[in-house]
Amino acid sequence: MIGKIWAYSAASVIGLGALAWAFSSATEPGQAQGRAAAVEQAARPGANNRTMLPARLLDCHLGRITNYDPSKEALPRDYTYEGDHVFRLFLPSIPERTTAPPRSTQAPEPVDPKTRILTDPDGISAGAMQIPFDRVVDYWPERVEMTTPVGNGEVNLIILQQSAGQPGLTDIFMTKAKDAMTYDTNGMYAGRCKATTGEAALTLAG
């Protein structure tokens, strides 16, 4: 079921991630807008001195959100979760972004084909494991947004961001979506990932 849902008024850089700002354990509405400003700052030339992002292997555990109510505003601590779904994702080494990404209404930039889902034994990614990503906006480690078309005008949406609740880990949110306000409310997953980077990530990813 695809349903209309409430979301914080924080902009997603690819136009589909507003809700996911709510699923970092320490995110409040004001903090979410602060993070949106940080993403905008990161997009400006000269924001930092790094030239390449490392290869990254993310080993994640996600639970399905069971008590989402589109009629109520809620914080991450208000949600309950069902299941423990293993999920593994690989992000290759790519040049660090120094320009703003294309808007969601514009053609996407080419995605490195090595970007892929490696493990999804429970099929929570709506079949996206077999399909290449079509949009990736990578501001690692602060935030990464990724979509994969899965048919019927829908995409599988993955958002990664630094965990405020557990420093050193990465929060993950995933669901099927049609646009920034239309999500599969019966298939909303959130959890955390441990990241392995650099040569170790390449070795483990095979």
N, C-alpha and C. Protein backbone atom coordinates (compact mmCIF):
# COMPACT_ATOMS: atom_id res chain seq x y z
N MET A 1 0.84 -1.19 0.00
CA MET A 1 0.00 0.00 0.00
C MET A 1 0.88 1.24 0.00
N ILE A 2 0.62 2.16 -0.92
CA ILE A 2 1.30 3.42 -0.96
C ILE A 2 0.39 4.45 -0.31
N GLY A 3 0.89 5.16 0.67
CA GLY A 3 0.07 6.13 1.37
C GLY A 3 0.75 7.46 1.50
N LYS A 4 -0.04 8.53 1.69
CA LYS A 4 0.50 9.85 1.92
C LYS A 4 0.96 9.94 3.37
N ILE A 5 2.13 10.50 3.61
CA ILE A 5 2.66 10.54 4.95
C ILE A 5 3.20 11.91 5.29
N TRP A 6 3.22 12.22 6.59
CA TRP A 6 3.78 13.47 7.08
C TRP A 6 5.28 13.40 7.07
N ALA A 7 5.94 14.52 6.80
CA ALA A 7 7.40 14.54 6.82
C ALA A 7 7.88 15.87 7.34
N TYR A 8 9.07 15.90 7.92
CA TYR A 8 9.69 17.16 8.31
C TYR A 8 9.93 18.01 7.07
N SER A 9 10.02 19.33 7.29
CA SER A 9 10.19 20.25 6.16
C SER A 9 11.66 20.43 5.83
N ALA A 10 12.40 19.33 5.75
CA ALA A 10 13.81 19.38 5.35
C ALA A 10 13.91 18.85 3.94
N ALA A 11 14.66 19.57 3.10
CA ALA A 11 14.72 19.21 1.69
C ALA A 11 15.66 18.05 1.46
N SER A 12 15.26 17.14 0.60
CA SER A 12 16.14 16.08 0.14
C SER A 12 16.83 16.54 -1.12
N VAL A 13 18.12 16.22 -1.25
CA VAL A 13 18.84 16.68 -2.43
C VAL A 13 18.39 15.99 -3.70
N ILE A 14 17.70 14.83 -3.60
CA ILE A 14 17.16 14.22 -4.81
C ILE A 14 15.64 14.24 -4.82
N GLY A 15 15.04 14.94 -3.85
CA GLY A 15 13.60 15.15 -3.90
C GLY A 15 12.77 14.03 -3.34
N LEU A 16 13.38 12.99 -2.76
CA LEU A 16 12.61 11.86 -2.26
C LEU A 16 12.90 11.51 -0.81
N GLY A 17 13.68 12.34 -0.12
CA GLY A 17 14.14 11.88 1.18
C GLY A 17 13.63 12.62 2.39
N ALA A 18 12.56 13.40 2.29
CA ALA A 18 12.15 14.23 3.41
C ALA A 18 11.86 13.41 4.66
N LEU A 19 11.13 12.33 4.53
CA LEU A 19 10.76 11.55 5.70
C LEU A 19 11.95 10.99 6.43
N ALA A 20 12.96 10.59 5.70
CA ALA A 20 14.08 9.90 6.33
C ALA A 20 14.86 10.77 7.29
N TRP A 21 14.73 12.08 7.19
CA TRP A 21 15.38 12.94 8.18
C TRP A 21 14.85 12.61 9.58
N ALA A 22 13.65 12.05 9.66
CA ALA A 22 13.03 11.79 10.97
C ALA A 22 13.57 10.55 11.64
N PHE A 23 14.37 9.72 10.96
CA PHE A 23 14.71 8.41 11.50
C PHE A 23 16.11 8.30 12.05
N SER A 24 16.79 9.41 12.25
CA SER A 24 18.01 9.41 13.04
C SER A 24 17.59 9.61 14.49
N SER A 25 18.14 8.82 15.42
CA SER A 25 17.59 8.75 16.76
C SER A 25 17.59 10.06 17.51
N ALA A 26 18.44 11.02 17.11
CA ALA A 26 18.50 12.28 17.84
C ALA A 26 17.94 13.44 17.04
N THR A 27 17.30 13.18 15.90
CA THR A 27 16.88 14.25 15.03
C THR A 27 15.56 14.85 15.50
N GLU A 28 15.57 16.14 15.75
CA GLU A 28 14.37 16.91 16.00
C GLU A 28 14.16 17.82 14.79
N PRO A 29 12.94 18.43 14.62
CA PRO A 29 12.72 19.26 13.43
C PRO A 29 13.77 20.32 13.20
N GLY A 30 14.19 21.03 14.23
CA GLY A 30 15.21 22.07 14.06
C GLY A 30 16.54 21.50 13.64
N GLN A 31 16.89 20.35 14.22
CA GLN A 31 18.15 19.71 13.86
C GLN A 31 18.13 19.24 12.42
N ALA A 32 16.97 18.76 11.96
CA ALA A 32 16.85 18.30 10.59
C ALA A 32 17.13 19.43 9.61
N GLN A 33 16.59 20.62 9.90
CA GLN A 33 16.83 21.73 9.00
C GLN A 33 18.29 22.14 9.03
N GLY A 34 18.93 22.00 10.20
CA GLY A 34 20.35 22.28 10.28
C GLY A 34 21.15 21.35 9.41
N ARG A 35 20.74 20.08 9.36
CA ARG A 35 21.44 19.12 8.52
C ARG A 35 21.23 19.44 7.05
N ALA A 36 20.03 19.91 6.68
CA ALA A 36 19.78 20.30 5.30
C ALA A 36 20.73 21.42 4.90
N ALA A 37 20.94 22.38 5.80
CA ALA A 37 21.88 23.47 5.50
C ALA A 37 23.29 22.94 5.36
N ALA A 38 23.64 21.93 6.16
CA ALA A 38 24.98 21.35 6.07
C ALA A 38 25.19 20.68 4.73
N VAL A 39 24.16 20.01 4.21
CA VAL A 39 24.27 19.39 2.89
C VAL A 39 24.49 20.44 1.83
N GLU A 40 23.75 21.56 1.93
CA GLU A 40 23.94 22.62 0.96
C GLU A 40 25.36 23.17 1.03
N GLN A 41 25.89 23.33 2.23
CA GLN A 41 27.25 23.83 2.39
C GLN A 41 28.25 22.86 1.77
N ALA A 42 28.01 21.55 1.96
CA ALA A 42 28.93 20.55 1.42
C ALA A 42 28.96 20.56 -0.09
N ALA A 43 27.90 21.06 -0.71
CA ALA A 43 27.83 21.08 -2.17
C ALA A 43 28.62 22.22 -2.79
N ARG A 44 29.09 23.15 -1.97
CA ARG A 44 29.79 24.30 -2.52
C ARG A 44 31.25 23.97 -2.80
N PRO A 45 31.78 24.50 -3.89
CA PRO A 45 33.19 24.26 -4.19
C PRO A 45 34.08 24.71 -3.04
N GLY A 46 35.11 23.91 -2.76
CA GLY A 46 36.05 24.26 -1.70
C GLY A 46 35.57 23.94 -0.31
N ALA A 47 34.48 23.15 -0.18
CA ALA A 47 33.95 22.86 1.15
C ALA A 47 34.92 22.05 1.98
N ASN A 48 35.77 21.26 1.36
CA ASN A 48 36.78 20.52 2.09
C ASN A 48 37.91 20.18 1.12
N ASN A 49 38.94 19.53 1.65
CA ASN A 49 40.14 19.30 0.85
C ASN A 49 40.26 17.88 0.32
N ARG A 50 39.34 17.00 0.68
CA ARG A 50 39.43 15.62 0.20
C ARG A 50 39.13 15.55 -1.28
N THR A 51 39.79 14.64 -1.97
CA THR A 51 39.57 14.50 -3.41
C THR A 51 38.85 13.21 -3.77
N MET A 52 38.96 12.18 -2.95
CA MET A 52 38.30 10.91 -3.23
C MET A 52 37.62 10.38 -1.97
N LEU A 53 36.43 9.85 -2.17
CA LEU A 53 35.78 9.11 -1.09
C LEU A 53 36.29 7.68 -1.13
N PRO A 54 36.43 7.02 0.02
CA PRO A 54 36.92 5.64 0.01
C PRO A 54 35.85 4.66 -0.42
N ALA A 55 36.26 3.48 -0.83
CA ALA A 55 35.30 2.39 -1.01
C ALA A 55 34.66 2.10 0.36
N ARG A 56 33.35 1.78 0.35
CA ARG A 56 32.64 1.55 1.60
C ARG A 56 31.76 0.31 1.51
N LEU A 57 31.88 -0.53 2.49
CA LEU A 57 31.02 -1.71 2.62
C LEU A 57 30.20 -1.54 3.88
N LEU A 58 28.88 -1.55 3.74
CA LEU A 58 28.00 -1.33 4.88
C LEU A 58 27.26 -2.61 5.22
N ASP A 59 27.47 -3.11 6.42
CA ASP A 59 26.75 -4.27 6.95
C ASP A 59 25.67 -3.75 7.89
N CYS A 60 24.42 -3.97 7.50
CA CYS A 60 23.30 -3.31 8.17
C CYS A 60 22.32 -4.33 8.75
N HIS A 61 21.59 -3.87 9.76
CA HIS A 61 20.44 -4.59 10.32
C HIS A 61 19.28 -3.61 10.36
N LEU A 62 18.16 -3.99 9.75
CA LEU A 62 16.99 -3.12 9.69
C LEU A 62 15.77 -3.83 10.26
N GLY A 63 14.88 -3.04 10.85
CA GLY A 63 13.59 -3.54 11.28
C GLY A 63 12.48 -2.80 10.55
N ARG A 64 11.35 -3.46 10.38
CA ARG A 64 10.20 -2.80 9.74
C ARG A 64 9.44 -1.98 10.78
N ILE A 65 9.16 -0.74 10.42
CA ILE A 65 8.40 0.13 11.33
C ILE A 65 6.95 -0.33 11.34
N THR A 66 6.44 -0.64 12.52
CA THR A 66 5.11 -1.27 12.63
C THR A 66 4.02 -0.33 13.10
N ASN A 67 4.35 0.81 13.65
CA ASN A 67 3.32 1.67 14.24
C ASN A 67 3.27 3.05 13.60
N TYR A 68 3.64 3.12 12.31
CA TYR A 68 3.59 4.41 11.64
C TYR A 68 2.14 4.85 11.45
N ASP A 69 1.83 6.07 11.83
CA ASP A 69 0.50 6.64 11.69
C ASP A 69 0.61 7.93 10.91
N PRO A 70 0.13 7.96 9.64
CA PRO A 70 0.30 9.16 8.82
C PRO A 70 -0.46 10.37 9.35
N SER A 71 -1.36 10.18 10.30
CA SER A 71 -2.14 11.29 10.84
C SER A 71 -1.45 11.96 12.02
N LYS A 72 -0.33 11.40 12.47
CA LYS A 72 0.35 11.93 13.65
C LYS A 72 1.78 12.30 13.35
N GLU A 73 2.25 13.35 14.00
CA GLU A 73 3.65 13.69 13.96
C GLU A 73 4.37 12.88 15.03
N ALA A 74 5.51 12.30 14.68
CA ALA A 74 6.21 11.43 15.62
C ALA A 74 7.71 11.61 15.45
N LEU A 75 8.44 11.33 16.52
CA LEU A 75 9.89 11.33 16.52
C LEU A 75 10.40 9.89 16.45
N PRO A 76 11.66 9.69 16.12
CA PRO A 76 12.19 8.32 15.99
C PRO A 76 11.94 7.46 17.21
N ARG A 77 12.03 8.04 18.40
CA ARG A 77 11.85 7.22 19.61
C ARG A 77 10.43 6.70 19.77
N ASP A 78 9.48 7.26 19.00
CA ASP A 78 8.09 6.83 19.11
C ASP A 78 7.77 5.58 18.30
N TYR A 79 8.70 5.16 17.44
CA TYR A 79 8.43 4.04 16.55
C TYR A 79 8.83 2.70 17.18
N THR A 80 8.10 1.66 16.79
CA THR A 80 8.48 0.30 17.15
C THR A 80 8.82 -0.46 15.87
N TYR A 81 9.62 -1.51 16.03
CA TYR A 81 10.17 -2.21 14.87
C TYR A 81 9.94 -3.71 14.97
N GLU A 82 9.81 -4.34 13.81
CA GLU A 82 9.59 -5.78 13.73
C GLU A 82 10.69 -6.41 12.88
N GLY A 83 11.27 -7.50 13.38
CA GLY A 83 12.23 -8.26 12.59
C GLY A 83 13.64 -7.71 12.68
N ASP A 84 14.56 -8.50 12.15
CA ASP A 84 15.98 -8.13 12.09
C ASP A 84 16.47 -8.59 10.73
N HIS A 85 16.48 -7.67 9.78
CA HIS A 85 16.79 -7.99 8.39
C HIS A 85 18.22 -7.58 8.07
N VAL A 86 19.01 -8.56 7.64
CA VAL A 86 20.40 -8.32 7.26
C VAL A 86 20.44 -7.69 5.88
N PHE A 87 21.33 -6.73 5.70
CA PHE A 87 21.41 -6.02 4.43
C PHE A 87 22.86 -5.57 4.25
N ARG A 88 23.42 -5.78 3.07
CA ARG A 88 24.81 -5.38 2.80
C ARG A 88 24.84 -4.57 1.51
N LEU A 89 25.55 -3.43 1.57
CA LEU A 89 25.57 -2.47 0.49
C LEU A 89 27.02 -2.05 0.22
N PHE A 90 27.38 -1.92 -1.06
CA PHE A 90 28.74 -1.50 -1.42
C PHE A 90 28.69 -0.19 -2.19
N LEU A 91 29.52 0.77 -1.74
CA LEU A 91 29.70 2.04 -2.42
C LEU A 91 31.17 2.14 -2.84
N PRO A 92 31.45 2.28 -4.12
CA PRO A 92 32.84 2.34 -4.57
C PRO A 92 33.49 3.68 -4.26
N SER A 93 34.81 3.71 -4.40
CA SER A 93 35.54 4.96 -4.28
C SER A 93 35.20 5.85 -5.47
N ILE A 94 34.80 7.08 -5.17
CA ILE A 94 34.45 8.03 -6.23
C ILE A 94 35.00 9.41 -5.85
N PRO A 95 35.13 10.31 -6.82
CA PRO A 95 35.58 11.67 -6.48
C PRO A 95 34.59 12.36 -5.54
N GLU A 96 35.13 13.08 -4.59
CA GLU A 96 34.29 13.81 -3.66
C GLU A 96 33.54 14.92 -4.39
N ARG A 97 32.26 15.08 -4.08
CA ARG A 97 31.45 16.06 -4.78
C ARG A 97 31.82 17.47 -4.36
N THR A 98 31.95 18.36 -5.35
CA THR A 98 32.22 19.76 -5.09
C THR A 98 31.20 20.67 -5.75
N THR A 99 30.18 20.09 -6.39
CA THR A 99 29.11 20.86 -7.00
C THR A 99 27.78 20.30 -6.55
N ALA A 100 26.75 21.09 -6.64
CA ALA A 100 25.42 20.63 -6.27
C ALA A 100 24.96 19.54 -7.25
N PRO A 101 24.21 18.55 -6.77
CA PRO A 101 23.71 17.51 -7.69
C PRO A 101 22.57 18.04 -8.54
N PRO A 102 22.25 17.36 -9.62
CA PRO A 102 21.09 17.78 -10.42
C PRO A 102 19.81 17.64 -9.60
N ARG A 103 18.85 18.48 -9.87
CA ARG A 103 17.55 18.39 -9.20
C ARG A 103 16.85 17.10 -9.60
N SER A 104 15.86 16.71 -8.80
CA SER A 104 15.16 15.46 -9.07
C SER A 104 14.41 15.49 -10.39
N THR A 105 14.12 16.69 -10.91
CA THR A 105 13.43 16.80 -12.20
C THR A 105 14.39 16.78 -13.38
N GLN A 106 15.69 16.79 -13.10
CA GLN A 106 16.69 16.76 -14.16
C GLN A 106 17.22 15.35 -14.35
N ALA A 107 17.89 15.15 -15.49
CA ALA A 107 18.48 13.83 -15.74
C ALA A 107 19.53 13.52 -14.68
N PRO A 108 19.58 12.29 -14.20
CA PRO A 108 20.58 11.95 -13.17
C PRO A 108 21.98 11.86 -13.75
N GLU A 109 22.96 11.98 -12.87
CA GLU A 109 24.35 11.76 -13.26
C GLU A 109 24.60 10.27 -13.39
N PRO A 110 25.58 9.84 -14.19
CA PRO A 110 25.92 8.42 -14.28
C PRO A 110 26.31 7.87 -12.91
N VAL A 111 25.88 6.66 -12.64
CA VAL A 111 26.20 6.00 -11.38
C VAL A 111 27.25 4.92 -11.64
N ASP A 112 28.29 4.90 -10.82
CA ASP A 112 29.31 3.86 -10.95
C ASP A 112 28.65 2.49 -10.83
N PRO A 113 28.77 1.61 -11.83
CA PRO A 113 28.08 0.31 -11.78
C PRO A 113 28.54 -0.60 -10.65
N LYS A 114 29.65 -0.27 -10.01
CA LYS A 114 30.09 -1.08 -8.87
C LYS A 114 29.24 -0.80 -7.63
N THR A 115 28.44 0.27 -7.66
CA THR A 115 27.51 0.58 -6.57
C THR A 115 26.40 -0.47 -6.60
N ARG A 116 26.27 -1.25 -5.54
CA ARG A 116 25.29 -2.34 -5.61
C ARG A 116 24.92 -2.85 -4.23
N ILE A 117 23.75 -3.50 -4.20
CA ILE A 117 23.32 -4.25 -3.02
C ILE A 117 23.93 -5.63 -3.12
N LEU A 118 24.66 -6.04 -2.09
CA LEU A 118 25.32 -7.34 -2.11
C LEU A 118 24.49 -8.43 -1.44
N THR A 119 23.77 -8.06 -0.40
CA THR A 119 23.01 -9.05 0.36
C THR A 119 21.67 -8.47 0.76
N ASP A 120 20.60 -9.20 0.45
CA ASP A 120 19.24 -8.84 0.87
C ASP A 120 18.43 -10.13 0.95
N PRO A 121 18.75 -11.02 1.89
CA PRO A 121 18.11 -12.34 1.90
C PRO A 121 16.61 -12.31 2.12
N ASP A 122 16.09 -11.27 2.76
CA ASP A 122 14.66 -11.20 3.03
C ASP A 122 13.90 -10.38 1.99
N GLY A 123 14.60 -9.86 0.99
CA GLY A 123 13.93 -9.14 -0.09
C GLY A 123 13.27 -7.85 0.32
N ILE A 124 13.84 -7.14 1.29
CA ILE A 124 13.19 -5.92 1.76
C ILE A 124 13.41 -4.74 0.82
N SER A 125 14.28 -4.89 -0.18
CA SER A 125 14.56 -3.78 -1.09
C SER A 125 13.68 -3.80 -2.34
N ALA A 126 12.57 -4.50 -2.29
CA ALA A 126 11.57 -4.49 -3.37
C ALA A 126 12.13 -4.90 -4.72
N GLY A 127 13.09 -5.83 -4.72
CA GLY A 127 13.68 -6.31 -5.96
C GLY A 127 14.82 -5.47 -6.48
N ALA A 128 15.24 -4.45 -5.72
CA ALA A 128 16.28 -3.54 -6.19
C ALA A 128 17.65 -4.19 -6.28
N MET A 129 17.84 -5.33 -5.63
CA MET A 129 19.14 -5.98 -5.67
C MET A 129 19.52 -6.39 -7.09
N GLN A 130 18.53 -6.64 -7.94
CA GLN A 130 18.79 -7.09 -9.31
C GLN A 130 18.83 -5.94 -10.31
N ILE A 131 18.67 -4.70 -9.84
CA ILE A 131 18.54 -3.56 -10.75
C ILE A 131 19.60 -2.51 -10.39
N PRO A 132 20.28 -1.93 -11.39
CA PRO A 132 21.28 -0.90 -11.08
C PRO A 132 20.64 0.35 -10.46
N PHE A 133 21.37 1.01 -9.59
CA PHE A 133 20.92 2.30 -9.06
C PHE A 133 20.87 3.31 -10.19
N ASP A 134 19.84 4.18 -10.15
CA ASP A 134 19.76 5.22 -11.19
C ASP A 134 20.14 6.60 -10.67
N ARG A 135 20.06 6.83 -9.37
CA ARG A 135 20.49 8.09 -8.79
C ARG A 135 21.25 7.81 -7.50
N VAL A 136 22.43 8.40 -7.37
CA VAL A 136 23.19 8.34 -6.12
C VAL A 136 23.76 9.73 -5.87
N VAL A 137 23.43 10.31 -4.74
CA VAL A 137 24.01 11.58 -4.32
C VAL A 137 24.79 11.29 -3.05
N ASP A 138 26.11 11.37 -3.16
CA ASP A 138 27.01 10.82 -2.15
C ASP A 138 27.77 11.94 -1.43
N TYR A 139 27.36 12.23 -0.22
CA TYR A 139 28.06 13.17 0.65
C TYR A 139 28.62 12.44 1.87
N TRP A 140 29.11 11.24 1.64
CA TRP A 140 29.67 10.44 2.73
C TRP A 140 30.73 11.27 3.49
N PRO A 141 30.74 11.15 4.82
CA PRO A 141 29.91 10.29 5.66
C PRO A 141 28.63 10.94 6.15
N GLU A 142 28.41 12.22 5.79
CA GLU A 142 27.25 12.92 6.34
C GLU A 142 25.93 12.33 5.85
N ARG A 143 25.83 12.09 4.53
CA ARG A 143 24.54 11.66 3.98
C ARG A 143 24.73 11.11 2.58
N VAL A 144 24.01 10.04 2.28
CA VAL A 144 23.99 9.46 0.93
C VAL A 144 22.54 9.14 0.60
N GLU A 145 22.08 9.52 -0.58
CA GLU A 145 20.73 9.21 -1.03
C GLU A 145 20.81 8.42 -2.32
N MET A 146 20.02 7.35 -2.42
CA MET A 146 20.12 6.43 -3.55
C MET A 146 18.73 5.95 -3.95
N THR A 147 18.48 5.86 -5.25
CA THR A 147 17.21 5.29 -5.71
C THR A 147 17.45 4.27 -6.81
N THR A 148 16.54 3.30 -6.86
CA THR A 148 16.52 2.27 -7.90
C THR A 148 15.10 2.15 -8.42
N PRO A 149 14.85 2.27 -9.73
CA PRO A 149 13.50 2.09 -10.25
C PRO A 149 13.06 0.64 -10.11
N VAL A 150 11.87 0.42 -9.56
CA VAL A 150 11.38 -0.95 -9.35
C VAL A 150 10.04 -1.19 -10.04
N GLY A 151 9.64 -0.30 -10.97
CA GLY A 151 8.42 -0.50 -11.75
C GLY A 151 7.24 0.29 -11.22
N ASN A 152 6.24 0.49 -12.09
CA ASN A 152 5.01 1.20 -11.74
C ASN A 152 5.27 2.62 -11.25
N GLY A 153 6.32 3.25 -11.77
CA GLY A 153 6.62 4.61 -11.38
C GLY A 153 7.20 4.74 -9.98
N GLU A 154 7.61 3.63 -9.38
CA GLU A 154 8.12 3.64 -8.02
C GLU A 154 9.62 3.40 -8.01
N VAL A 155 10.25 3.85 -6.93
CA VAL A 155 11.67 3.59 -6.73
C VAL A 155 11.87 3.01 -5.34
N ASN A 156 12.93 2.23 -5.20
CA ASN A 156 13.39 1.86 -3.86
C ASN A 156 14.34 2.96 -3.42
N LEU A 157 14.06 3.54 -2.28
CA LEU A 157 14.81 4.67 -1.76
C LEU A 157 15.65 4.23 -0.57
N ILE A 158 16.94 4.53 -0.60
CA ILE A 158 17.84 4.26 0.53
C ILE A 158 18.48 5.58 0.93
N ILE A 159 18.45 5.87 2.22
CA ILE A 159 19.13 7.05 2.73
C ILE A 159 20.03 6.63 3.88
N LEU A 160 21.29 7.03 3.79
CA LEU A 160 22.29 6.77 4.82
C LEU A 160 22.71 8.10 5.42
N GLN A 161 22.88 8.13 6.73
CA GLN A 161 23.42 9.33 7.35
C GLN A 161 24.13 8.97 8.64
N GLN A 162 25.07 9.83 9.03
CA GLN A 162 25.79 9.60 10.26
C GLN A 162 24.82 9.44 11.41
N SER A 163 25.08 8.45 12.26
CA SER A 163 24.20 8.21 13.40
C SER A 163 24.53 9.17 14.53
N ALA A 164 23.54 9.97 14.92
CA ALA A 164 23.71 10.83 16.09
C ALA A 164 23.54 10.02 17.37
N GLY A 165 22.70 8.98 17.32
CA GLY A 165 22.45 8.17 18.50
C GLY A 165 23.58 7.24 18.86
N GLN A 166 24.29 6.74 17.84
CA GLN A 166 25.41 5.83 18.07
C GLN A 166 26.57 6.26 17.18
N PRO A 167 27.40 7.20 17.67
CA PRO A 167 28.53 7.68 16.87
C PRO A 167 29.40 6.54 16.39
N GLY A 168 29.86 6.65 15.15
CA GLY A 168 30.67 5.60 14.54
C GLY A 168 29.86 4.65 13.68
N LEU A 169 28.54 4.67 13.82
CA LEU A 169 27.67 3.86 12.98
C LEU A 169 26.93 4.76 12.00
N THR A 170 26.27 4.12 11.05
CA THR A 170 25.52 4.84 10.02
C THR A 170 24.06 4.45 10.09
N ASP A 171 23.17 5.44 10.19
CA ASP A 171 21.74 5.17 10.16
C ASP A 171 21.32 4.87 8.72
N ILE A 172 20.37 3.97 8.56
CA ILE A 172 19.83 3.65 7.24
C ILE A 172 18.32 3.67 7.29
N PHE A 173 17.72 4.25 6.27
CA PHE A 173 16.26 4.23 6.09
C PHE A 173 15.99 3.76 4.67
N MET A 174 14.99 2.88 4.51
CA MET A 174 14.69 2.35 3.18
C MET A 174 13.20 2.12 3.05
N THR A 175 12.66 2.49 1.89
CA THR A 175 11.27 2.20 1.59
C THR A 175 11.06 2.34 0.08
N LYS A 176 9.88 1.95 -0.36
CA LYS A 176 9.48 2.15 -1.75
C LYS A 176 8.70 3.46 -1.82
N ALA A 177 8.98 4.27 -2.85
CA ALA A 177 8.38 5.61 -2.91
C ALA A 177 8.02 5.98 -4.33
N LYS A 178 7.04 6.88 -4.45
CA LYS A 178 6.70 7.47 -5.74
C LYS A 178 7.19 8.90 -5.85
N ASP A 179 7.16 9.61 -4.73
CA ASP A 179 7.65 10.99 -4.70
C ASP A 179 7.97 11.33 -3.25
N ALA A 180 8.25 12.61 -3.00
CA ALA A 180 8.73 13.02 -1.68
C ALA A 180 7.71 12.83 -0.57
N MET A 181 6.46 12.63 -0.90
CA MET A 181 5.43 12.49 0.12
C MET A 181 4.64 11.19 0.00
N THR A 182 4.99 10.31 -0.90
CA THR A 182 4.21 9.10 -1.15
C THR A 182 5.09 7.88 -0.98
N TYR A 183 4.90 7.17 0.11
CA TYR A 183 5.75 6.05 0.48
C TYR A 183 4.91 4.80 0.72
N ASP A 184 5.56 3.66 0.66
CA ASP A 184 4.94 2.39 1.04
C ASP A 184 4.95 2.32 2.57
N THR A 185 3.86 2.68 3.20
CA THR A 185 3.83 2.77 4.66
C THR A 185 3.83 1.39 5.33
N ASN A 186 3.61 0.33 4.55
CA ASN A 186 3.71 -1.02 5.11
C ASN A 186 5.10 -1.62 4.90
N GLY A 187 5.97 -0.89 4.24
CA GLY A 187 7.31 -1.40 3.98
C GLY A 187 8.37 -0.35 4.23
N MET A 188 8.31 0.25 5.42
CA MET A 188 9.28 1.26 5.82
C MET A 188 10.26 0.60 6.79
N TYR A 189 11.54 0.66 6.46
CA TYR A 189 12.57 -0.02 7.26
C TYR A 189 13.61 0.99 7.73
N ALA A 190 14.09 0.80 8.94
CA ALA A 190 15.14 1.66 9.46
C ALA A 190 16.06 0.83 10.34
N GLY A 191 17.32 1.26 10.44
CA GLY A 191 18.27 0.53 11.26
C GLY A 191 19.62 1.20 11.23
N ARG A 192 20.66 0.42 11.50
CA ARG A 192 22.01 0.97 11.54
C ARG A 192 22.97 0.03 10.84
N CYS A 193 24.07 0.62 10.38
CA CYS A 193 25.09 -0.11 9.62
C CYS A 193 26.47 0.13 10.23
N LYS A 194 27.31 -0.88 10.11
CA LYS A 194 28.73 -0.73 10.40
C LYS A 194 29.45 -0.63 9.08
N ALA A 195 30.28 0.39 8.93
CA ALA A 195 30.97 0.63 7.67
C ALA A 195 32.41 0.15 7.73
N THR A 196 32.81 -0.59 6.70
CA THR A 196 34.22 -0.93 6.48
C THR A 196 34.67 -0.14 5.26
N THR A 197 35.84 0.51 5.34
CA THR A 197 36.24 1.40 4.27
C THR A 197 37.59 1.01 3.67
N GLY A 198 37.87 1.58 2.50
CA GLY A 198 39.17 1.42 1.87
C GLY A 198 39.42 0.02 1.32
N GLU A 199 40.67 -0.42 1.41
CA GLU A 199 41.06 -1.72 0.86
C GLU A 199 40.32 -2.86 1.53
N ALA A 200 40.06 -2.74 2.83
CA ALA A 200 39.31 -3.79 3.54
C ALA A 200 37.92 -3.97 2.94
N ALA A 201 37.27 -2.85 2.57
CA ALA A 201 35.94 -2.92 1.96
C ALA A 201 36.01 -3.63 0.61
N LEU A 202 37.02 -3.33 -0.18
CA LEU A 202 37.17 -3.96 -1.49
C LEU A 202 37.39 -5.46 -1.34
N THR A 203 38.19 -5.86 -0.37
CA THR A 203 38.47 -7.27 -0.15
C THR A 203 37.22 -8.02 0.26
N LEU A 204 36.46 -7.46 1.20
CA LEU A 204 35.26 -8.14 1.69
C LEU A 204 34.16 -8.18 0.66
N ALA A 205 34.08 -7.14 -0.19
CA ALA A 205 33.02 -7.09 -1.21
C ALA A 205 33.32 -8.04 -2.36
N GLY A 206 34.59 -8.46 -2.51
CA GLY A 206 34.94 -9.37 -3.59
C GLY A 206 35.00 -8.66 -4.92
